[in-house]
Amino acid sequence: MGLWIAQGAVIDRLKHLYGEAHDYLSMPVSFEAHMKLGSHPDMHLCRIKDVVFCSPMLLAQIEAVANGIYAVGINRGNENPHSPYPADVGYNLAAIDGSVYCKKPDAAVDAYIADRCLPRIAVKQGYVQCGIIVLGDSAVITEDENLKRVMTAQGIDVLLIRKGFVKLNGHDYGFIGGCAGCYNRLILFNGCIEKHPDFEAIRLFLKTYGYTWRSLCPAPLEDCGGIVYIPGPNR
């Protein structure tokens, strides 16, 4: 048992796939009034090792699901993300092998990084989490050349794929991490990953690191702010 957090259409597909085995939280469309892409989970939530940080506004939604059992282990962030950039990237970061890749983390997240003496790696790309698919502690997939350069210098194996093949309403294109999520070494894609021109390289890279994949629908890939899974307290 766990909690899936995603946009409404993705939640419908997850329910069809997993049924009542899990709980579900559909991101409120009302969050869009707070900032652009406000209903994207990766704008509100991040993980650093086994620790989860969440914006106050999303945490209030999580507390309403299943009697709040999933909120027990979540740390409350200091602020809600808001426009303009980079005030919206406080939770849009990535922790890989003990290092945190970020541009401007939320104050509560930043304090945690400092208190734990975790290496903080500065990057130009503010939307780190949605820009990558993380495979364990040693590999990522991204379209971002700067992230590839920085992460490769840290010893991470990076597969750089072509940009422009993930849709994002109101933008020229979205990001590969923003259309994906991970559950038990299964990478779920919002759309059909097999239609990506670099699918074969992606398939082999996933296989190398012990991951499988599943396309949730036959439509082209679409950035939905990621597909988040939070295990239940007994998992």
Protein backbone atom coordinates (compact mmCIF):
# COMPACT_ATOMS: atom_id res chain seq x y z
CA MET A 1 0.00 0.00 0.00
CA GLY A 2 1.25 3.46 -0.91
CA LEU A 3 0.17 6.86 -2.18
CA TRP A 4 0.36 7.95 -5.81
CA ILE A 5 0.48 11.70 -6.49
CA ALA A 6 0.00 12.95 -10.05
CA GLN A 7 -2.24 15.02 -12.29
CA GLY A 8 -5.80 13.83 -12.78
CA ALA A 9 -5.50 12.03 -16.12
CA VAL A 10 -2.41 10.18 -14.89
CA ILE A 11 -4.17 9.19 -11.67
CA ASP A 12 -6.97 7.66 -13.75
CA ARG A 13 -4.42 5.52 -15.60
CA LEU A 14 -2.73 4.48 -12.36
CA LYS A 15 -6.08 3.48 -10.85
CA HIS A 16 -6.78 1.35 -13.90
CA LEU A 17 -3.36 -0.28 -13.48
CA TYR A 18 -3.23 -0.79 -9.69
CA GLY A 19 -6.84 -0.54 -8.55
CA GLU A 20 -7.50 -0.42 -4.81
CA ALA A 21 -4.04 -1.64 -3.87
CA HIS A 22 -2.97 1.97 -3.32
CA ASP A 23 -4.28 5.41 -2.37
CA TYR A 24 -4.34 8.30 -4.84
CA LEU A 25 -4.05 12.07 -4.75
CA SER A 26 -4.93 14.05 -7.85
CA MET A 27 -3.10 17.36 -7.93
CA PRO A 28 -5.58 20.24 -7.52
CA VAL A 29 -6.07 22.32 -10.65
CA SER A 30 -6.49 25.31 -8.31
CA PHE A 31 -2.73 25.23 -7.71
CA GLU A 32 -2.34 26.64 -11.22
CA ALA A 33 -3.60 29.99 -9.95
CA HIS A 34 -0.64 30.10 -7.56
CA MET A 35 2.00 29.80 -10.28
CA LYS A 36 2.55 28.36 -13.72
CA LEU A 37 2.69 24.56 -13.61
CA GLY A 38 1.42 24.74 -10.05
CA SER A 39 -0.34 21.38 -10.38
CA HIS A 40 2.96 19.63 -11.14
CA PRO A 41 4.03 17.42 -8.20
CA ASP A 42 7.75 18.04 -8.80
CA MET A 43 7.19 21.73 -8.03
CA HIS A 44 6.01 20.85 -4.51
CA LEU A 45 7.83 17.75 -3.31
CA CYS A 46 11.36 16.36 -3.20
CA ARG A 47 13.30 13.49 -1.64
CA ILE A 48 16.75 13.57 -0.09
CA LYS A 49 17.72 9.97 0.62
CA ASP A 50 14.76 8.66 2.66
CA VAL A 51 13.57 12.12 3.72
CA VAL A 52 10.65 13.80 1.94
CA PHE A 53 10.05 17.56 1.93
CA CYS A 54 6.75 18.99 0.81
CA SER A 55 5.29 22.46 0.28
CA PRO A 56 2.72 23.50 2.92
CA MET A 57 -0.07 23.62 0.33
CA LEU A 58 0.56 20.09 -0.95
CA LEU A 59 1.09 18.76 2.57
CA ALA A 60 -2.42 19.94 3.45
CA GLN A 61 -3.73 17.81 0.59
CA ILE A 62 -1.69 14.77 1.67
CA GLU A 63 -2.96 15.11 5.25
CA ALA A 64 -6.50 14.68 3.93
CA VAL A 65 -5.74 11.30 2.31
CA ALA A 66 -6.19 8.06 4.28
CA ASN A 67 -6.45 9.84 7.62
CA GLY A 68 -3.13 11.55 7.08
CA ILE A 69 -1.01 8.41 7.41
CA TYR A 70 1.28 9.46 4.56
CA ALA A 71 1.96 12.88 6.09
CA VAL A 72 3.57 11.36 9.19
CA GLY A 73 7.02 11.01 7.66
CA ILE A 74 6.96 14.16 5.51
CA ASN A 75 8.87 17.28 6.48
CA ARG A 76 6.98 20.54 6.00
CA GLY A 77 8.74 23.01 3.75
CA ASN A 78 9.14 26.65 4.70
CA GLU A 79 7.28 28.24 1.79
CA ASN A 80 4.93 27.45 -1.06
CA PRO A 81 6.62 27.76 -4.45
CA HIS A 82 5.48 30.83 -6.34
CA SER A 83 6.22 32.96 -9.39
CA PRO A 84 8.48 34.39 -10.65
CA TYR A 85 11.36 32.02 -11.33
CA PRO A 86 13.43 30.97 -9.40
CA ALA A 87 11.01 31.30 -6.47
CA ASP A 88 9.19 28.28 -7.91
CA VAL A 89 12.11 25.83 -7.79
CA GLY A 90 12.49 25.37 -4.02
CA TYR A 91 11.59 21.67 -4.17
CA ASN A 92 12.66 20.97 -7.74
CA LEU A 93 15.99 19.36 -6.94
CA ALA A 94 17.62 15.95 -7.05
CA ALA A 95 19.59 14.01 -4.44
CA ILE A 96 21.91 11.42 -5.95
CA ASP A 97 24.47 9.38 -4.05
CA GLY A 98 24.45 11.77 -1.09
CA SER A 99 24.85 14.97 -3.14
CA VAL A 100 22.06 17.47 -3.76
CA TYR A 101 21.81 19.13 -7.17
CA CYS A 102 19.86 22.37 -6.92
CA LYS A 103 19.62 26.05 -7.80
CA LYS A 104 17.67 27.72 -4.98
CA PRO A 105 16.20 25.27 -2.44
CA ASP A 106 13.43 26.10 0.00
CA ALA A 107 14.82 27.42 3.31
CA ALA A 108 13.81 24.28 5.24
CA VAL A 109 15.41 22.06 2.61
CA ASP A 110 18.53 24.21 2.54
CA ALA A 111 18.85 23.99 6.34
CA TYR A 112 18.55 20.20 6.19
CA ILE A 113 21.29 20.01 3.55
CA ALA A 114 23.56 22.18 5.71
CA ASP A 115 22.79 20.35 8.96
CA ARG A 116 23.60 16.97 7.39
CA CYS A 117 26.73 18.38 5.68
CA LEU A 118 25.52 17.05 2.34
CA PRO A 119 27.45 18.20 -0.73
CA ARG A 120 25.41 20.85 -2.52
CA ILE A 121 26.09 20.97 -6.24
CA ALA A 122 24.99 24.20 -7.93
CA VAL A 123 23.43 23.89 -11.39
CA LYS A 124 22.12 26.40 -13.93
CA GLN A 125 18.92 24.44 -14.55
CA GLY A 126 16.40 25.32 -11.83
CA TYR A 127 14.03 22.49 -12.73
CA VAL A 128 16.43 19.70 -11.85
CA GLN A 129 13.93 17.08 -10.71
CA CYS A 130 11.77 17.32 -13.80
CA GLY A 131 14.86 17.41 -16.00
CA ILE A 132 16.13 13.93 -15.13
CA ILE A 133 15.15 10.34 -14.50
CA VAL A 134 17.24 9.06 -11.61
CA LEU A 135 18.34 5.42 -11.67
CA GLY A 136 19.64 4.55 -8.22
CA ASP A 137 22.78 6.29 -7.01
CA SER A 138 24.84 6.16 -10.16
CA ALA A 139 22.89 7.00 -13.33
CA VAL A 140 20.43 9.50 -14.84
CA ILE A 141 18.70 10.19 -18.13
CA THR A 142 18.35 13.82 -19.25
CA GLU A 143 18.02 16.16 -22.22
CA ASP A 144 19.96 18.91 -20.42
CA GLU A 145 23.59 19.28 -21.53
CA ASN A 146 24.57 21.36 -18.48
CA LEU A 147 23.18 18.75 -16.09
CA LYS A 148 25.07 16.08 -18.02
CA ARG A 149 28.32 18.03 -17.72
CA VAL A 150 27.94 18.70 -13.99
CA MET A 151 26.77 15.20 -13.08
CA THR A 152 29.37 13.46 -15.22
CA ALA A 153 32.04 15.43 -13.35
CA GLN A 154 30.60 13.91 -10.14
CA GLY A 155 31.02 10.38 -11.47
CA ILE A 156 27.41 9.81 -12.51
CA ASP A 157 26.69 7.88 -15.69
CA VAL A 158 24.48 10.17 -17.79
CA LEU A 159 22.50 9.25 -20.88
CA LEU A 160 21.89 12.42 -22.88
CA ILE A 161 18.85 12.18 -25.14
CA ARG A 162 17.40 14.58 -27.70
CA LYS A 163 15.16 17.36 -26.43
CA GLY A 164 11.84 18.37 -27.93
CA PHE A 165 10.02 15.02 -27.81
CA VAL A 166 8.06 15.56 -24.59
CA LYS A 167 4.97 17.76 -24.79
CA LEU A 168 4.17 20.50 -22.26
CA ASN A 169 1.12 22.70 -22.73
CA GLY A 170 2.01 26.36 -23.17
CA HIS A 171 5.69 25.60 -23.80
CA ASP A 172 7.83 24.53 -26.72
CA TYR A 173 8.57 21.23 -25.00
CA GLY A 174 8.76 19.52 -21.62
CA PHE A 175 11.29 17.31 -19.87
CA ILE A 176 11.83 13.56 -19.63
CA GLY A 177 11.73 13.47 -15.84
CA GLY A 178 8.47 15.38 -15.87
CA CYS A 179 6.70 12.57 -17.73
CA ALA A 180 8.02 9.74 -15.56
CA GLY A 181 7.97 8.13 -12.13
CA CYS A 182 9.54 5.12 -10.45
CA TYR A 183 7.94 2.24 -8.53
CA ASN A 184 9.91 -0.87 -7.52
CA ARG A 185 12.49 -0.34 -10.29
CA LEU A 186 9.71 0.10 -12.83
CA ILE A 187 9.81 3.42 -14.70
CA LEU A 188 6.29 4.57 -15.59
CA PHE A 189 5.87 7.01 -18.48
CA ASN A 190 2.98 9.39 -19.11
CA GLY A 191 2.73 8.56 -22.77
CA CYS A 192 4.46 6.11 -25.06
CA ILE A 193 8.22 5.98 -24.48
CA GLU A 194 8.55 3.64 -27.47
CA LYS A 195 7.74 6.63 -29.73
CA HIS A 196 10.78 8.60 -28.53
CA PRO A 197 13.53 8.64 -31.20
CA ASP A 198 16.10 7.60 -28.59
CA PHE A 199 13.98 4.75 -27.20
CA GLU A 200 16.50 2.03 -28.00
CA ALA A 201 19.26 3.86 -26.11
CA ILE A 202 16.84 4.50 -23.23
CA ARG A 203 15.78 0.84 -23.17
CA LEU A 204 19.36 -0.41 -23.04
CA PHE A 205 20.31 2.14 -20.37
CA LEU A 206 17.39 1.11 -18.17
CA LYS A 207 18.27 -2.55 -18.64
CA THR A 208 21.91 -1.88 -17.72
CA TYR A 209 20.83 -0.53 -14.34
CA GLY A 210 18.20 -3.17 -13.65
CA TYR A 211 15.07 -1.16 -14.48
CA THR A 212 12.05 -2.01 -16.61
CA TRP A 213 9.51 0.40 -18.07
CA ARG A 214 5.83 0.78 -18.84
CA SER A 215 3.98 3.28 -21.02
CA LEU A 216 0.72 4.35 -19.37
CA CYS A 217 -0.98 5.30 -22.66
CA PRO A 218 -0.29 5.26 -26.40
CA ALA A 219 -0.21 9.07 -26.74
CA PRO A 220 3.06 11.01 -27.18
CA LEU A 221 5.04 11.65 -24.00
CA GLU A 222 3.70 14.59 -21.98
CA ASP A 223 5.28 16.42 -19.05
CA CYS A 224 2.85 16.18 -16.13
CA GLY A 225 5.27 17.19 -13.38
CA GLY A 226 6.31 13.65 -12.65
CA ILE A 227 4.56 10.65 -11.14
CA VAL A 228 5.24 10.42 -7.40
CA TYR A 229 4.94 7.33 -5.22
CA ILE A 230 5.12 7.54 -1.41
CA PRO A 231 5.27 4.18 0.39
CA GLY A 232 2.90 3.55 3.27
CA PRO A 233 4.30 3.75 6.81
CA ASN A 234 4.68 -0.01 7.02
CA ARG A 235 6.64 -0.39 3.77
